[in-house]
PDB file of N, CA and C in Angstrom:
ATOM      1  N   MET A   1      62.238  74.908  14.591  1.00  0.00           N
ATOM      2  CA  MET A   1      60.924  75.309  14.153  1.00  0.00           C
ATOM      3  C   MET A   1      60.152  73.815  14.362  1.00  0.00           C
ATOM      4  N   ARG A   2      59.251  73.845  14.878  1.00  0.00           N
ATOM      5  CA  ARG A   2      58.205  72.747  14.843  1.00  0.00           C
ATOM      6  C   ARG A   2      56.644  72.895  14.702  1.00  0.00           C
ATOM      7  N   VAL A   3      56.315  72.295  13.556  1.00  0.00           N
ATOM      8  CA  VAL A   3      54.792  72.882  13.136  1.00  0.00           C
ATOM      9  C   VAL A   3      54.358  71.383  13.069  1.00  0.00           C
ATOM     10  N   CYS A   4      52.934  71.498  13.569  1.00  0.00           N
ATOM     11  CA  CYS A   4      52.272  69.991  13.520  1.00  0.00           C
ATOM     12  C   CYS A   4      50.957  70.275  12.893  1.00  0.00           C
ATOM     13  N   ARG A   5      50.201  69.212  12.570  1.00  0.00           N
ATOM     14  CA  ARG A   5      48.774  69.477  12.091  1.00  0.00           C
ATOM     15  C   ARG A   5      48.015  68.065  12.361  1.00  0.00           C
ATOM     16  N   ASP A   6      46.812  68.235  12.549  1.00  0.00           N
ATOM     17  CA  ASP A   6      45.905  66.942  12.536  1.00  0.00           C
ATOM     18  C   ASP A   6      45.627  66.838  10.785  1.00  0.00           C
ATOM     19  N   GLN A   7      45.872  65.812  10.324  1.00  0.00           N
ATOM     20  CA  GLN A   7      45.492  65.435   9.125  1.00  0.00           C
ATOM     21  C   GLN A   7      44.389  64.265   9.155  1.00  0.00           C
ATOM     22  N   GLY A   8      43.332  64.690  10.077  1.00  0.00           N
ATOM     23  CA  GLY A   8      42.033  63.698   9.980  1.00  0.00           C
ATOM     24  C   GLY A   8      42.449  62.316  10.772  1.00  0.00           C
ATOM     25  N   LYS A   9      43.627  62.230  11.455  1.00  0.00           N
ATOM     26  CA  LYS A   9      43.809  61.154  12.365  1.00  0.00           C
ATOM     27  C   LYS A   9      43.497  61.070  13.512  1.00  0.00           C
ATOM     28  N   GLY A  10      42.733  62.222  13.993  1.00  0.00           N
ATOM     29  CA  GLY A  10      42.302  62.685  15.315  1.00  0.00           C
ATOM     30  C   GLY A  10      43.498  62.823  16.470  1.00  0.00           C
ATOM     31  N   LEU A  11      44.480  63.203  16.009  1.00  0.00           N
ATOM     32  CA  LEU A  11      45.402  63.467  17.267  1.00  0.00           C
ATOM     33  C   LEU A  11      45.894  64.974  17.273  1.00  0.00           C
ATOM     34  N   SER A  12      45.690  65.572  18.372  1.00  0.00           N
ATOM     35  CA  SER A  12      46.105  66.682  18.581  1.00  0.00           C
ATOM     36  C   SER A  12      47.629  66.974  18.614  1.00  0.00           C
ATOM     37  N   CYS A  13      48.167  68.290  18.437  1.00  0.00           N
ATOM     38  CA  CYS A  13      49.489  68.690  18.455  1.00  0.00           C
ATOM     39  C   CYS A  13      49.915  67.761  19.646  1.00  0.00           C
ATOM     40  N   GLY A  14      49.662  68.007  20.667  1.00  0.00           N
ATOM     41  CA  GLY A  14      50.385  67.328  22.094  1.00  0.00           C
ATOM     42  C   GLY A  14      50.303  65.977  21.702  1.00  0.00           C
ATOM     43  N   GLN A  15      49.157  65.292  21.518  1.00  0.00           N
ATOM     44  CA  GLN A  15      49.031  63.566  21.345  1.00  0.00           C
ATOM     45  C   GLN A  15      50.272  63.133  20.148  1.00  0.00           C
ATOM     46  N   ALA A  16      50.161  63.966  19.151  1.00  0.00           N
ATOM     47  CA  ALA A  16      51.179  63.655  17.958  1.00  0.00           C
ATOM     48  C   ALA A  16      52.741  63.876  18.708  1.00  0.00           C
ATOM     49  N   ASP A  17      52.786  64.917  19.158  1.00  0.00           N
ATOM     50  CA  ASP A  17      54.277  65.002  19.890  1.00  0.00           C
ATOM     51  C   ASP A  17      54.543  64.245  20.718  1.00  0.00           C
ATOM     52  N   ALA A  18      53.644  63.615  21.583  1.00  0.00           N
ATOM     53  CA  ALA A  18      53.861  62.552  22.793  1.00  0.00           C
ATOM     54  C   ALA A  18      54.101  61.175  21.846  1.00  0.00           C
ATOM     55  N   ALA A  19      53.381  60.828  20.750  1.00  0.00           N
ATOM     56  CA  ALA A  19      53.799  59.780  19.998  1.00  0.00           C
ATOM     57  C   ALA A  19      55.102  59.534  19.453  1.00  0.00           C
ATOM     58  N   CYS A  20      55.677  60.788  19.212  1.00  0.00           N
ATOM     59  CA  CYS A  20      56.924  60.482  18.230  1.00  0.00           C
ATOM     60  C   CYS A  20      57.952  60.735  19.241  1.00  0.00           C
ATOM     61  N   ARG A  21      57.634  61.629  20.333  1.00  0.00           N
ATOM     62  CA  ARG A  21      58.810  61.520  21.308  1.00  0.00           C
ATOM     63  C   ARG A  21      59.539  60.153  21.755  1.00  0.00           C
ATOM     64  N   GLY A  22      59.008  59.216  21.865  1.00  0.00           N
ATOM     65  CA  GLY A  22      59.507  57.882  21.920  1.00  0.00           C
ATOM     66  C   GLY A  22      60.450  57.430  21.025  1.00  0.00           C
ATOM     67  N   GLU A  23      60.143  57.789  19.827  1.00  0.00           N
ATOM     68  CA  GLU A  23      60.988  57.102  18.797  1.00  0.00           C
ATOM     69  C   GLU A  23      62.268  58.394  18.521  1.00  0.00           C
ATOM     70  N   GLY A  24      62.145  59.202  19.259  1.00  0.00           N
ATOM     71  CA  GLY A  24      63.365  60.628  18.924  1.00  0.00           C
ATOM     72  C   GLY A  24      63.034  61.121  17.663  1.00  0.00           C
ATOM     73  N   ARG A  25      61.890  61.156  17.195  1.00  0.00           N
ATOM     74  CA  ARG A  25      61.819  61.765  15.761  1.00  0.00           C
ATOM     75  C   ARG A  25      61.053  63.188  16.038  1.00  0.00           C
ATOM     76  N   ALA A  26      61.349  64.043  15.366  1.00  0.00           N
ATOM     77  CA  ALA A  26      60.643  65.349  15.585  1.00  0.00           C
ATOM     78  C   ALA A  26      59.489  65.493  14.427  1.00  0.00           C
ATOM     79  N   ILE A  27      58.549  66.129  14.745  1.00  0.00           N
ATOM     80  CA  ILE A  27      57.530  66.455  13.679  1.00  0.00           C
ATOM     81  C   ILE A  27      57.563  67.635  12.834  1.00  0.00           C
ATOM     82  N   VAL A  28      57.512  67.460  11.708  1.00  0.00           N
ATOM     83  CA  VAL A  28      57.416  68.682  11.001  1.00  0.00           C
ATOM     84  C   VAL A  28      56.334  68.107   9.923  1.00  0.00           C
ATOM     85  N   ALA A  29      55.438  68.662   9.635  1.00  0.00           N
ATOM     86  CA  ALA A  29      54.489  68.352   8.647  1.00  0.00           C
ATOM     87  C   ALA A  29      53.795  69.572   8.370  1.00  0.00           C
ATOM     88  N   THR A  30      54.426  70.032   7.354  1.00  0.00           N
ATOM     89  CA  THR A  30      54.242  71.428   6.485  1.00  0.00           C
ATOM     90  C   THR A  30      53.496  71.501   5.021  1.00  0.00           C
ATOM     91  N   ASP A  31      53.588  69.880   4.645  1.00  0.00           N
ATOM     92  CA  ASP A  31      53.207  70.009   3.207  1.00  0.00           C
ATOM     93  C   ASP A  31      52.119  70.835   3.169  1.00  0.00           C
ATOM     94  N   GLU A  32      51.680  71.659   2.144  1.00  0.00           N
ATOM     95  CA  GLU A  32      50.542  72.420   1.492  1.00  0.00           C
ATOM     96  C   GLU A  32      49.675  72.764   2.509  1.00  0.00           C
ATOM     97  N   GLN A  33      50.384  73.470   3.661  1.00  0.00           N
ATOM     98  CA  GLN A  33      49.842  74.084   4.430  1.00  0.00           C
ATOM     99  C   GLN A  33      49.817  75.688   4.179  1.00  0.00           C
ATOM    100  N   ALA A  34      48.674  76.310   4.426  1.00  0.00           N
ATOM    101  CA  ALA A  34      48.634  77.804   4.337  1.00  0.00           C
ATOM    102  C   ALA A  34      49.550  78.661   5.083  1.00  0.00           C
ATOM    103  N   ALA A  35      50.593  79.582   4.909  1.00  0.00           N
ATOM    104  CA  ALA A  35      51.100  80.254   5.900  1.00  0.00           C
ATOM    105  C   ALA A  35      51.176  81.778   5.413  1.00  0.00           C
ATOM    106  N   GLY A  36      50.828  82.437   6.526  1.00  0.00           N
ATOM    107  CA  GLY A  36      51.155  84.285   6.171  1.00  0.00           C
ATOM    108  C   GLY A  36      52.110  84.565   7.355  1.00  0.00           C
ATOM    109  N   VAL A  37      52.789  85.706   6.786  1.00  0.00           N
ATOM    110  CA  VAL A  37      53.768  86.318   7.739  1.00  0.00           C
ATOM    111  C   VAL A  37      53.490  87.393   8.216  1.00  0.00           C
ATOM    112  N   CYS A  38      53.536  88.004   9.436  1.00  0.00           N
ATOM    113  CA  CYS A  38      53.474  89.244  10.016  1.00  0.00           C
ATOM    114  C   CYS A  38      54.966  89.952  10.682  1.00  0.00           C
ATOM    115  N   GLY A  39      55.511  91.120  10.361  1.00  0.00           N
ATOM    116  CA  GLY A  39      56.594  91.420  10.764  1.00  0.00           C
ATOM    117  C   GLY A  39      56.388  92.586  11.742  1.00  0.00           C
ATOM    118  N   VAL A  40      57.300  92.712  12.796  1.00  0.00           N
ATOM    119  CA  VAL A  40      57.347  93.688  13.665  1.00  0.00           C
ATOM    120  C   VAL A  40      58.726  94.622  13.899  1.00  0.00           C
ATOM    121  N   SER A  41      58.533  95.784  13.744  1.00  0.00           N
ATOM    122  CA  SER A  41      59.915  96.287  14.052  1.00  0.00           C
ATOM    123  C   SER A  41      59.773  97.428  14.957  1.00  0.00           C
ATOM    124  N   ALA A  42      60.830  98.239  15.353  1.00  0.00           N
ATOM    125  CA  ALA A  42      60.815  99.372  16.152  1.00  0.00           C
ATOM    126  C   ALA A  42      60.836 100.511  15.084  1.00  0.00           C
ATOM    127  N   GLY A  43      61.635 100.337  13.772  1.00  0.00           N
ATOM    128  CA  GLY A  43      61.672 101.416  12.702  1.00  0.00           C
ATOM    129  C   GLY A  43      60.700 101.568  11.692  1.00  0.00           C
ATOM    130  N   PRO A  44      60.492 102.028  10.533  1.00  0.00           N
ATOM    131  CA  PRO A  44      59.619 102.112   9.918  1.00  0.00           C
ATOM    132  C   PRO A  44      59.388 101.268   8.832  1.00  0.00           C
ATOM    133  N   PHE A  45      59.904 100.166   8.893  1.00  0.00           N
ATOM    134  CA  PHE A  45      59.658  99.129   7.889  1.00  0.00           C
ATOM    135  C   PHE A  45      58.947  97.839   8.157  1.00  0.00           C
ATOM    136  N   GLY A  46      58.647  97.929   9.573  1.00  0.00           N
ATOM    137  CA  GLY A  46      57.758  96.887   9.980  1.00  0.00           C
ATOM    138  C   GLY A  46      58.377  95.312   9.692  1.00  0.00           C
ATOM    139  N   GLY A  47      59.639  95.165   9.682  1.00  0.00           N
ATOM    140  CA  GLY A  47      60.036  93.710   9.470  1.00  0.00           C
ATOM    141  C   GLY A  47      60.201  93.226   8.210  1.00  0.00           C
ATOM    142  N   ALA A  48      60.385  94.243   7.157  1.00  0.00           N
ATOM    143  CA  ALA A  48      60.111  93.923   5.534  1.00  0.00           C
ATOM    144  C   ALA A  48      61.211  92.804   5.352  1.00  0.00           C
ATOM    145  N   ARG A  49      62.309  93.002   5.855  1.00  0.00           N
ATOM    146  CA  ARG A  49      63.312  92.486   5.009  1.00  0.00           C
ATOM    147  C   ARG A  49      63.546  91.041   5.781  1.00  0.00           C
ATOM    148  N   MET A  50      62.957  91.047   7.338  1.00  0.00           N
ATOM    149  CA  MET A  50      62.785  89.702   7.835  1.00  0.00           C
ATOM    150  C   MET A  50      61.740  88.818   6.937  1.00  0.00           C
ATOM    151  N   ILE A  51      60.514  89.337   6.585  1.00  0.00           N
ATOM    152  CA  ILE A  51      59.670  88.653   6.113  1.00  0.00           C
ATOM    153  C   ILE A  51      59.889  88.280   4.550  1.00  0.00           C
ATOM    154  N   GLN A  52      60.654  88.858   3.829  1.00  0.00           N
ATOM    155  CA  GLN A  52      61.278  88.867   2.519  1.00  0.00           C
ATOM    156  C   GLN A  52      62.191  87.505   2.606  1.00  0.00           C
ATOM    157  N   ASN A  53      63.124  87.613   3.730  1.00  0.00           N
ATOM    158  CA  ASN A  53      63.872  86.363   3.962  1.00  0.00           C
ATOM    159  C   ASN A  53      63.342  85.049   4.394  1.00  0.00           C
ATOM    160  N   PHE A  54      62.284  85.157   5.028  1.00  0.00           N
ATOM    161  CA  PHE A  54      61.446  84.038   5.923  1.00  0.00           C
ATOM    162  C   PHE A  54      60.578  83.384   4.668  1.00  0.00           C
ATOM    163  N   LEU A  55      59.826  84.204   3.842  1.00  0.00           N
ATOM    164  CA  LEU A  55      59.259  83.370   2.741  1.00  0.00           C
ATOM    165  C   LEU A  55      59.768  82.239   1.908  1.00  0.00           C
ATOM    166  N   PRO A  56      61.179  82.202   1.618  1.00  0.00           N
ATOM    167  CA  PRO A  56      61.693  81.175   1.069  1.00  0.00           C
ATOM    168  C   PRO A  56      61.874  79.872   1.851  1.00  0.00           C
ATOM    169  N   VAL A  57      62.143  80.256   3.254  1.00  0.00           N
ATOM    170  CA  VAL A  57      62.249  79.059   4.318  1.00  0.00           C
ATOM    171  C   VAL A  57      60.898  78.645   4.126  1.00  0.00           C
ATOM    172  N   LEU A  58      59.724  79.191   4.285  1.00  0.00           N
ATOM    173  CA  LEU A  58      58.485  78.502   4.437  1.00  0.00           C
ATOM    174  C   LEU A  58      58.188  77.793   3.161  1.00  0.00           C
ATOM    175  N   ARG A  59      58.364  78.304   1.920  1.00  0.00           N
ATOM    176  CA  ARG A  59      58.269  77.602   0.717  1.00  0.00           C
ATOM    177  C   ARG A  59      59.238  76.103   0.800  1.00  0.00           C
ATOM    178  N   GLU A  60      60.168  76.572   1.409  1.00  0.00           N
ATOM    179  CA  GLU A  60      61.105  74.978   1.375  1.00  0.00           C
ATOM    180  C   GLU A  60      60.693  74.166   2.229  1.00  0.00           C
ATOM    181  N   LEU A  61      60.012  74.402   3.253  1.00  0.00           N
ATOM    182  CA  LEU A  61      59.207  73.670   4.056  1.00  0.00           C
ATOM    183  C   LEU A  61      58.075  72.920   3.578  1.00  0.00           C
ATOM    184  N   GLY A  62      57.467  73.389   2.406  1.00  0.00           N
ATOM    185  CA  GLY A  62      56.320  72.880   1.623  1.00  0.00           C
ATOM    186  C   GLY A  62      55.234  73.571   1.911  1.00  0.00           C
ATOM    187  N   MET A  63      55.382  74.750   2.478  1.00  0.00           N
ATOM    188  CA  MET A  63      54.302  75.636   2.851  1.00  0.00           C
ATOM    189  C   MET A  63      53.441  76.316   1.653  1.00  0.00           C
ATOM    190  N   VAL A  64      52.408  77.025   1.617  1.00  0.00           N
ATOM    191  CA  VAL A  64      52.001  77.662   0.588  1.00  0.00           C
ATOM    192  C   VAL A  64      51.524  79.020   1.189  1.00  0.00           C
ATOM    193  N   THR A  65      52.896  79.992   0.723  1.00  0.00           N
ATOM    194  CA  THR A  65      52.244  81.304   1.496  1.00  0.00           C
ATOM    195  C   THR A  65      51.514  82.312   0.496  1.00  0.00           C
ATOM    196  N   ILE A  66      50.649  82.969   1.413  1.00  0.00           N
ATOM    197  CA  ILE A  66      49.956  83.932   0.746  1.00  0.00           C
ATOM    198  C   ILE A  66      50.476  85.021   0.221  1.00  0.00           C
ATOM    199  N   PHE A  67      49.975  86.045  -0.455  1.00  0.00           N
ATOM    200  CA  PHE A  67      50.559  87.058  -0.858  1.00  0.00           C
ATOM    201  C   PHE A  67      50.465  88.294   0.110  1.00  0.00           C
ATOM    202  N   SER A  68      49.383  88.363   0.655  1.00  0.00           N
ATOM    203  CA  SER A  68      49.402  89.612   1.742  1.00  0.00           C
ATOM    204  C   SER A  68      50.214  89.523   2.907  1.00  0.00           C
ATOM    205  N   ASP A  69      50.671  90.339   3.423  1.00  0.00           N
ATOM    206  CA  ASP A  69      51.800  90.361   4.697  1.00  0.00           C
ATOM    207  C   ASP A  69      51.432  91.594   5.325  1.00  0.00           C
ATOM    208  N   VAL A  70      51.358  91.702   6.941  1.00  0.00           N
ATOM    209  CA  VAL A  70      51.128  92.718   7.437  1.00  0.00           C
ATOM    210  C   VAL A  70      52.545  93.224   8.273  1.00  0.00           C
ATOM    211  N   TYR A  71      53.025  94.666   8.238  1.00  0.00           N
ATOM    212  CA  TYR A  71      54.139  95.229   8.642  1.00  0.00           C
ATOM    213  C   TYR A  71      53.617  95.966   9.569  1.00  0.00           C
ATOM    214  N   PHE A  72      54.086  95.750  11.101  1.00  0.00           N
ATOM    215  CA  PHE A  72      53.828  96.458  12.050  1.00  0.00           C
ATOM    216  C   PHE A  72      55.171  97.179  12.217  1.00  0.00           C
ATOM    217  N   SER A  73      54.991  98.641  11.720  1.00  0.00           N
ATOM    218  CA  SER A  73      56.273  99.188  11.848  1.00  0.00           C
ATOM    219  C   SER A  73      56.073 100.440  13.199  1.00  0.00           C
ATOM    220  N   ASN A  74      57.434 100.767  13.870  1.00  0.00           N
ATOM    221  CA  ASN A  74      57.207 101.636  14.970  1.00  0.00           C
ATOM    222  C   ASN A  74      56.383 101.146  15.922  1.00  0.00           C
ATOM    223  N   ALA A  75      56.613  99.627  16.331  1.00  0.00           N
ATOM    224  CA  ALA A  75      55.901  98.884  17.459  1.00  0.00           C
ATOM    225  C   ALA A  75      55.639  99.572  18.606  1.00  0.00           C
ATOM    226  N   GLY A  76      56.754 100.687  19.018  1.00  0.00           N
ATOM    227  CA  GLY A  76      56.900 101.226  20.403  1.00  0.00           C
ATOM    228  C   GLY A  76      55.731 102.335  20.336  1.00  0.00           C
ATOM    229  N   LYS A  77      55.367 102.628  19.315  1.00  0.00           N
ATOM    230  CA  LYS A  77      54.422 104.005  19.261  1.00  0.00           C
ATOM    231  C   LYS A  77      53.054 103.338  18.769  1.00  0.00           C
ATOM    232  N   LEU A  78      52.995 102.153  18.430  1.00  0.00           N
ATOM    233  CA  LEU A  78      51.683 101.339  17.667  1.00  0.00           C
ATOM    234  C   LEU A  78      50.445 101.095  18.617  1.00  0.00           C
ATOM    235  N   PHE A  79      51.089 100.848  19.810  1.00  0.00           N
ATOM    236  CA  PHE A  79      49.978 100.049  20.737  1.00  0.00           C
ATOM    237  C   PHE A  79      49.734 101.008  21.787  1.00  0.00           C
ATOM    238  N   ASP A  80      48.508 101.251  22.546  1.00  0.00           N
ATOM    239  CA  ASP A  80      48.038 101.967  23.597  1.00  0.00           C
ATOM    240  C   ASP A  80      48.655 101.185  24.625  1.00  0.00           C
ATOM    241  N   PRO A  81      49.733 102.098  25.233  1.00  0.00           N
ATOM    242  CA  PRO A  81      50.260 101.255  26.473  1.00  0.00           C
ATOM    243  C   PRO A  81      49.087 101.198  27.601  1.00  0.00           C
ATOM    244  N   ALA A  82      48.203 101.728  27.948  1.00  0.00           N
ATOM    245  CA  ALA A  82      46.994 101.106  28.786  1.00  0.00           C
ATOM    246  C   ALA A  82      46.336 100.028  28.351  1.00  0.00           C
ATOM    247  N   THR A  83      45.826 100.071  27.084  1.00  0.00           N
ATOM    248  CA  THR A  83      44.771  98.863  26.666  1.00  0.00           C
ATOM    249  C   THR A  83      45.681  97.816  25.950  1.00  0.00           C
ATOM    250  N   GLY A  84      46.616  97.933  25.253  1.00  0.00           N
ATOM    251  CA  GLY A  84      47.441  97.192  24.445  1.00  0.00           C
ATOM    252  C   GLY A  84      46.991  96.969  23.030  1.00  0.00           C
ATOM    253  N   LYS A  85      46.008  97.884  22.906  1.00  0.00           N
ATOM    254  CA  LYS A  85      45.012  97.702  21.449  1.00  0.00           C
ATOM    255  C   LYS A  85      46.107  98.706  20.488  1.00  0.00           C
ATOM    256  N   ILE A  86      46.010  98.273  18.859  1.00  0.00           N
ATOM    257  CA  ILE A  86      46.443  98.950  17.851  1.00  0.00           C
ATOM    258  C   ILE A  86      45.859 100.236  17.933  1.00  0.00           C
ATOM    259  N   THR A  87      46.646 101.420  17.871  1.00  0.00           N
ATOM    260  CA  THR A  87      46.258 103.035  17.883  1.00  0.00           C
ATOM    261  C   THR A  87      45.787 103.271  16.469  1.00  0.00           C
ATOM    262  N   ASP A  88      46.593 102.610  15.554  1.00  0.00           N
ATOM    263  CA  ASP A  88      46.190 103.080  14.078  1.00  0.00           C
ATOM    264  C   ASP A  88      45.111 102.328  13.530  1.00  0.00           C
ATOM    265  N   ALA A  89      43.939 102.894  13.075  1.00  0.00           N
ATOM    266  CA  ALA A  89      42.754 102.107  12.739  1.00  0.00           C
ATOM    267  C   ALA A  89      42.889 101.667  11.264  1.00  0.00           C
ATOM    268  N   ALA A  90      44.112 102.102  10.414  1.00  0.00           N
ATOM    269  CA  ALA A  90      44.574 101.546   9.044  1.00  0.00           C
ATOM    270  C   ALA A  90      44.700  99.986   8.872  1.00  0.00           C
ATOM    271  N   TYR A  91      45.177  99.627  10.508  1.00  0.00           N
ATOM    272  CA  TYR A  91      45.476  97.774  10.778  1.00  0.00           C
ATOM    273  C   TYR A  91      44.464  97.168  10.588  1.00  0.00           C
ATOM    274  N   GLY A  92      43.321  97.828  10.731  1.00  0.00           N
ATOM    275  CA  GLY A  92      42.057  96.764  10.919  1.00  0.00           C
ATOM    276  C   GLY A  92      41.776  96.531   9.550  1.00  0.00           C
ATOM    277  N   SER A  93      41.639  97.073   8.622  1.00  0.00           N
ATOM    278  CA  SER A  93      41.466  96.617   7.311  1.00  0.00           C
ATOM    279  C   SER A  93      42.637  95.695   6.666  1.00  0.00           C
ATOM    280  N   ARG A  94      43.896  96.055   7.184  1.00  0.00           N
ATOM    281  CA  ARG A  94      45.147  95.148   6.605  1.00  0.00           C
ATOM    282  C   ARG A  94      44.904  93.975   7.136  1.00  0.00           C
ATOM    283  N   LEU A  95      44.668  93.833   8.388  1.00  0.00           N
ATOM    284  CA  LEU A  95      44.490  92.314   9.305  1.00  0.00           C
ATOM    285  C   LEU A  95      43.180  91.750   8.658  1.00  0.00           C
ATOM    286  N   ASP A  96      42.291  92.465   8.216  1.00  0.00           N
ATOM    287  CA  ASP A  96      41.078  91.714   7.844  1.00  0.00           C
ATOM    288  C   ASP A  96      41.442  91.299   6.381  1.00  0.00           C
ATOM    289  N   LYS A  97      42.032  91.887   5.586  1.00  0.00           N
ATOM    290  CA  LYS A  97      42.753  91.273   4.244  1.00  0.00           C
ATOM    291  C   LYS A  97      43.587  90.174   4.598  1.00  0.00           C
ATOM    292  N   PHE A  98      44.439  90.446   5.199  1.00  0.00           N
ATOM    293  CA  PHE A  98      45.502  89.171   5.555  1.00  0.00           C
ATOM    294  C   PHE A  98      44.728  87.973   6.026  1.00  0.00           C
ATOM    295  N   LEU A  99      43.969  87.995   7.243  1.00  0.00           N
ATOM    296  CA  LEU A  99      43.049  86.899   7.587  1.00  0.00           C
ATOM    297  C   LEU A  99      42.364  86.336   6.914  1.00  0.00           C
ATOM    298  N   ASN A 100      41.736  86.742   5.768  1.00  0.00           N
ATOM    299  CA  ASN A 100      40.492  86.485   4.997  1.00  0.00           C
ATOM    300  C   ASN A 100      41.419  85.627   3.927  1.00  0.00           C
ATOM    301  N   GLU A 101      42.416  86.005   3.387  1.00  0.00           N
ATOM    302  CA  GLU A 101      43.217  85.685   2.388  1.00  0.00           C
ATOM    303  C   GLU A 101      44.158  84.239   2.953  1.00  0.00           C
ATOM    304  N   LEU A 102      44.448  84.398   4.058  1.00  0.00           N
ATOM    305  CA  LEU A 102      44.720  83.108   4.835  1.00  0.00           C
ATOM    306  C   LEU A 102      43.642  82.010   5.030  1.00  0.00           C
ATOM    307  N   VAL A 103      42.592  82.449   5.474  1.00  0.00           N
ATOM    308  CA  VAL A 103      41.670  81.324   5.715  1.00  0.00           C
ATOM    309  C   VAL A 103      41.227  80.836   4.417  1.00  0.00           C
ATOM    310  N   TRP A 104      41.077  81.680   3.533  1.00  0.00           N
ATOM    311  CA  TRP A 104      40.488  81.257   2.012  1.00  0.00           C
ATOM    312  C   TRP A 104      41.670  80.042   1.324  1.00  0.00           C
ATOM    313  N   MET A 105      43.022  80.505   1.569  1.00  0.00           N
ATOM    314  CA  MET A 105      44.044  79.590   1.096  1.00  0.00           C
ATOM    315  C   MET A 105      43.984  78.292   1.790  1.00  0.00           C
ATOM    316  N   ALA A 106      43.511  78.388   3.127  1.00  0.00           N
ATOM    317  CA  ALA A 106      43.747  76.992   4.008  1.00  0.00           C
ATOM    318  C   ALA A 106      42.616  76.280   3.459  1.00  0.00           C
ATOM    319  N   ARG A 107      41.435  76.785   3.425  1.00  0.00           N
ATOM    320  CA  ARG A 107      40.157  76.295   2.654  1.00  0.00           C
ATOM    321  C   ARG A 107      40.225  75.341   1.426  1.00  0.00           C
ATOM    322  N   ALA A 108      41.098  76.355   0.461  1.00  0.00           N
ATOM    323  CA  ALA A 108      41.229  75.724  -0.987  1.00  0.00           C
ATOM    324  C   ALA A 108      42.216  74.719  -0.888  1.00  0.00           C
ATOM    325  N   LEU A 109      43.239  74.740   0.010  1.00  0.00           N
ATOM    326  CA  LEU A 109      44.265  73.600   0.016  1.00  0.00           C
ATOM    327  C   LEU A 109      43.421  72.585   0.490  1.00  0.00           C
ATOM    328  N   ARG A 110      42.615  72.699   1.626  1.00  0.00           N
ATOM    329  CA  ARG A 110      42.107  71.334   2.237  1.00  0.00           C
ATOM    330  C   ARG A 110      40.923  70.842   1.263  1.00  0.00           C
ATOM    331  N   PHE A 111      40.205  71.597   0.548  1.00  0.00           N
ATOM    332  CA  PHE A 111      39.507  71.262  -0.410  1.00  0.00           C
ATOM    333  C   PHE A 111      40.410  70.309  -1.774  1.00  0.00           C
ATOM    334  N   GLY A 112      41.390  70.973  -2.025  1.00  0.00           N
ATOM    335  CA  GLY A 112      42.374  70.138  -3.208  1.00  0.00           C
ATOM    336  C   GLY A 112      42.868  68.956  -2.362  1.00  0.00           C
ATOM    337  N   ARG A 113      43.385  68.776  -1.313  1.00  0.00           N
ATOM    338  CA  ARG A 113      43.839  67.639  -0.731  1.00  0.00           C
ATOM    339  C   ARG A 113      42.802  66.398  -0.843  1.00  0.00           C
ATOM    340  N   LYS A 114      41.653  66.700  -0.364  1.00  0.00           N
ATOM    341  CA  LYS A 114      40.359  65.865  -0.029  1.00  0.00           C
ATOM    342  C   LYS A 114      39.659  65.586  -1.390  1.00  0.00           C
ATOM    343  N   HIS A 115      39.558  66.459  -2.631  1.00  0.00           N
ATOM    344  CA  HIS A 115      38.676  66.246  -3.850  1.00  0.00           C
ATOM    345  C   HIS A 115      39.441  66.071  -4.842  1.00  0.00           C
ATOM    346  N   LEU A 116      40.529  66.315  -4.964  1.00  0.00           N
ATOM    347  CA  LEU A 116      41.316  66.212  -6.262  1.00  0.00           C
ATOM    348  C   LEU A 116      42.046  64.920  -6.294  1.00  0.00           C
ATOM    349  N   PRO A 117      42.439  64.376  -7.583  1.00  0.00           N
ATOM    350  CA  PRO A 117      43.016  63.115  -7.722  1.00  0.00           C
ATOM    351  C   PRO A 117      44.479  63.254  -7.466  1.00  0.00           C
ATOM    352  N   GLY A 118      45.334  62.377  -6.813  1.00  0.00           N
ATOM    353  CA  GLY A 118      46.491  62.680  -6.714  1.00  0.00           C
ATOM    354  C   GLY A 118      46.840  63.498  -5.510  1.00  0.00           C
ATOM    355  N   SER A 119      46.137  64.015  -4.661  1.00  0.00           N
ATOM    356  CA  SER A 119      46.407  65.000  -3.620  1.00  0.00           C
ATOM    357  C   SER A 119      46.763  64.002  -2.232  1.00  0.00           C
TER     358      SER A 119
END
């Protein structure tokens, strides 16, 4: 897994990767980044076990996970074959909640890094 971010240094992911590649170092900059997880499965649980096992990995990498998860169950039946759009209208509100929480957490963490002492 390779995760990178721009910490206000003006480097894109590609530029940062190129800068480090010459020294043989991998870029893993995950400290205090917001993370959310969506699971997909062909069965009825939507990747629930994967999500529960993946959250500690993200936390160990220093990421701050949000409380909302999205489970895409029965993926073979969930999408319209002609358009690729989700056929279950309930997912609209689930995804809105998930994305709103993720954006809020990212903004809160950015504010804290910028304005709170010791960050």
